[in-house]
Amino acid sequence: MGLPDRHDKKDVWALAARESDLEVEWVDGIRGDEMSQKSIPAGWDPGLSSATLGCYRGHMNVMRKSVLRPAHIHSQADRV
C-alpha cells in the first residue's frame, strides 16, 4: 500500500516480488486531507495528523479487501 504517486515504491516492491517469486497487489493509499468529513470515524482525535488519518483509512481498505475475498496463500509445500 502506498500513495498512487509513489512510483519508486511500486518499482521496489515489483522487483522484490519478482526476485522472491511472490505475487503482490498494489493498493493505493489515501491522503487524509482529501477525505470527506463523512468518512472520518466517530471519536477520531482531531489533534492527529491528516497523514495518520490517511494511514488508518488505507489500512482499513486493505483489511476490507482481504475479508471480502478468499485467501490465496500457498506454502512451498503446496507446490510439490
C-alpha atoms as a PDB file:
ATOM      1  CA  MET A   1       0.000   0.000   0.000  1.00  0.00           C
ATOM      2  CA  GLY A   2       1.239   3.438  -0.820  1.00  0.00           C
ATOM      3  CA  LEU A   3       0.248   6.724  -2.331  1.00  0.00           C
ATOM      4  CA  PRO A   4      -0.544   6.486  -6.047  1.00  0.00           C
ATOM      5  CA  ASP A   5       2.226   8.907  -6.999  1.00  0.00           C
ATOM      6  CA  ARG A   6       4.984   6.895  -5.254  1.00  0.00           C
ATOM      7  CA  HIS A   7       6.193   5.005  -8.307  1.00  0.00           C
ATOM      8  CA  ASP A   8       9.569   4.500  -6.635  1.00  0.00           C
ATOM      9  CA  LYS A   9       7.972   2.270  -4.004  1.00  0.00           C
ATOM     10  CA  LYS A  10       5.989   0.361  -6.620  1.00  0.00           C
ATOM     11  CA  ASP A  11       9.221  -0.305  -8.520  1.00  0.00           C
ATOM     12  CA  VAL A  12      10.998  -1.634  -5.420  1.00  0.00           C
ATOM     13  CA  TRP A  13       8.097  -3.909  -4.490  1.00  0.00           C
ATOM     14  CA  ALA A  14       7.793  -5.222  -8.043  1.00  0.00           C
ATOM     15  CA  LEU A  15      11.486  -6.104  -8.142  1.00  0.00           C
ATOM     16  CA  ALA A  16      11.437  -7.666  -4.667  1.00  0.00           C
ATOM     17  CA  ALA A  17       8.365  -9.729  -5.538  1.00  0.00           C
ATOM     18  CA  ARG A  18       9.949 -10.933  -8.770  1.00  0.00           C
ATOM     19  CA  GLU A  19      13.154 -11.971  -7.012  1.00  0.00           C
ATOM     20  CA  SER A  20      11.191 -13.725  -4.257  1.00  0.00           C
ATOM     21  CA  ASP A  21       8.758 -15.468  -6.601  1.00  0.00           C
ATOM     22  CA  LEU A  22       5.842 -13.671  -4.940  1.00  0.00           C
ATOM     23  CA  GLU A  23       2.794 -12.066  -6.425  1.00  0.00           C
ATOM     24  CA  VAL A  24       1.860  -8.717  -4.941  1.00  0.00           C
ATOM     25  CA  GLU A  25      -1.078  -6.419  -5.454  1.00  0.00           C
ATOM     26  CA  TRP A  26      -0.576  -2.692  -5.028  1.00  0.00           C
ATOM     27  CA  VAL A  27      -3.300  -0.899  -3.105  1.00  0.00           C
ATOM     28  CA  ASP A  28      -3.448   2.872  -3.352  1.00  0.00           C
ATOM     29  CA  GLY A  29      -3.032   4.741  -0.102  1.00  0.00           C
ATOM     30  CA  ILE A  30      -5.262   7.589   0.992  1.00  0.00           C
ATOM     31  CA  ARG A  31      -4.391  11.196   1.775  1.00  0.00           C
ATOM     32  CA  GLY A  32      -6.220  12.103   4.968  1.00  0.00           C
ATOM     33  CA  ASP A  33      -6.619  15.735   3.975  1.00  0.00           C
ATOM     34  CA  GLU A  34      -8.564  14.635   0.876  1.00  0.00           C
ATOM     35  CA  MET A  35     -11.077  12.513   2.787  1.00  0.00           C
ATOM     36  CA  SER A  36     -14.706  13.516   3.145  1.00  0.00           C
ATOM     37  CA  GLN A  37     -15.673  14.595   6.651  1.00  0.00           C
ATOM     38  CA  LYS A  38     -18.397  11.937   6.491  1.00  0.00           C
ATOM     39  CA  SER A  39     -15.833   9.154   6.270  1.00  0.00           C
ATOM     40  CA  ILE A  40     -13.876  10.142   9.397  1.00  0.00           C
ATOM     41  CA  PRO A  41     -14.676   7.632  12.149  1.00  0.00           C
ATOM     42  CA  ALA A  42     -16.672   8.744  15.171  1.00  0.00           C
ATOM     43  CA  GLY A  43     -14.392   9.545  18.070  1.00  0.00           C
ATOM     44  CA  TRP A  44     -11.418  10.346  15.833  1.00  0.00           C
ATOM     45  CA  ASP A  45      -8.981  12.656  17.647  1.00  0.00           C
ATOM     46  CA  PRO A  46      -8.847  15.840  15.541  1.00  0.00           C
ATOM     47  CA  GLY A  47      -5.404  16.508  17.008  1.00  0.00           C
ATOM     48  CA  LEU A  48      -3.945  13.623  14.994  1.00  0.00           C
ATOM     49  CA  SER A  49      -2.336  14.472  11.672  1.00  0.00           C
ATOM     50  CA  SER A  50      -4.069  14.056   8.336  1.00  0.00           C
ATOM     51  CA  ALA A  51      -1.308  11.577   7.418  1.00  0.00           C
ATOM     52  CA  THR A  52      -2.364   9.411  10.374  1.00  0.00           C
ATOM     53  CA  LEU A  53      -5.982   9.558   9.236  1.00  0.00           C
ATOM     54  CA  GLY A  54      -4.989   8.574   5.690  1.00  0.00           C
ATOM     55  CA  CYS A  55      -2.849   5.730   7.020  1.00  0.00           C
ATOM     56  CA  TYR A  56      -5.768   4.448   9.100  1.00  0.00           C
ATOM     57  CA  ARG A  57      -8.166   4.623   6.131  1.00  0.00           C
ATOM     58  CA  GLY A  58      -5.732   2.922   3.782  1.00  0.00           C
ATOM     59  CA  HIS A  59      -5.208   0.024   6.183  1.00  0.00           C
ATOM     60  CA  MET A  60      -8.970  -0.325   6.692  1.00  0.00           C
ATOM     61  CA  ASN A  61      -9.390  -0.533   2.903  1.00  0.00           C
ATOM     62  CA  VAL A  62      -6.804  -3.329   2.725  1.00  0.00           C
ATOM     63  CA  MET A  63      -8.463  -5.236   5.577  1.00  0.00           C
ATOM     64  CA  ARG A  64     -11.892  -4.868   3.968  1.00  0.00           C
ATOM     65  CA  LYS A  65     -10.494  -6.137   0.686  1.00  0.00           C
ATOM     66  CA  SER A  66      -8.856  -9.146   2.347  1.00  0.00           C
ATOM     67  CA  VAL A  67     -12.010 -10.054   4.279  1.00  0.00           C
ATOM     68  CA  LEU A  68     -14.244  -9.898   1.202  1.00  0.00           C
ATOM     69  CA  ARG A  69     -12.238 -12.329  -0.902  1.00  0.00           C
ATOM     70  CA  PRO A  70     -10.878 -15.788  -0.224  1.00  0.00           C
ATOM     71  CA  ALA A  71      -7.249 -16.115   0.774  1.00  0.00           C
ATOM     72  CA  HIS A  72      -4.810 -17.382  -1.810  1.00  0.00           C
ATOM     73  CA  ILE A  73      -1.819 -18.107   0.372  1.00  0.00           C
ATOM     74  CA  HIS A  74       0.079 -21.245  -0.506  1.00  0.00           C
ATOM     75  CA  SER A  75       3.232 -22.609   1.005  1.00  0.00           C
ATOM     76  CA  GLN A  76       6.117 -24.045  -0.958  1.00  0.00           C
ATOM     77  CA  ALA A  77       4.975 -27.496   0.188  1.00  0.00           C
ATOM     78  CA  ASP A  78       1.680 -26.992  -1.678  1.00  0.00           C
ATOM     79  CA  ARG A  79       3.568 -26.885  -4.989  1.00  0.00           C
ATOM     80  CA  VAL A  80       5.005 -30.360  -4.716  1.00  0.00           C
END
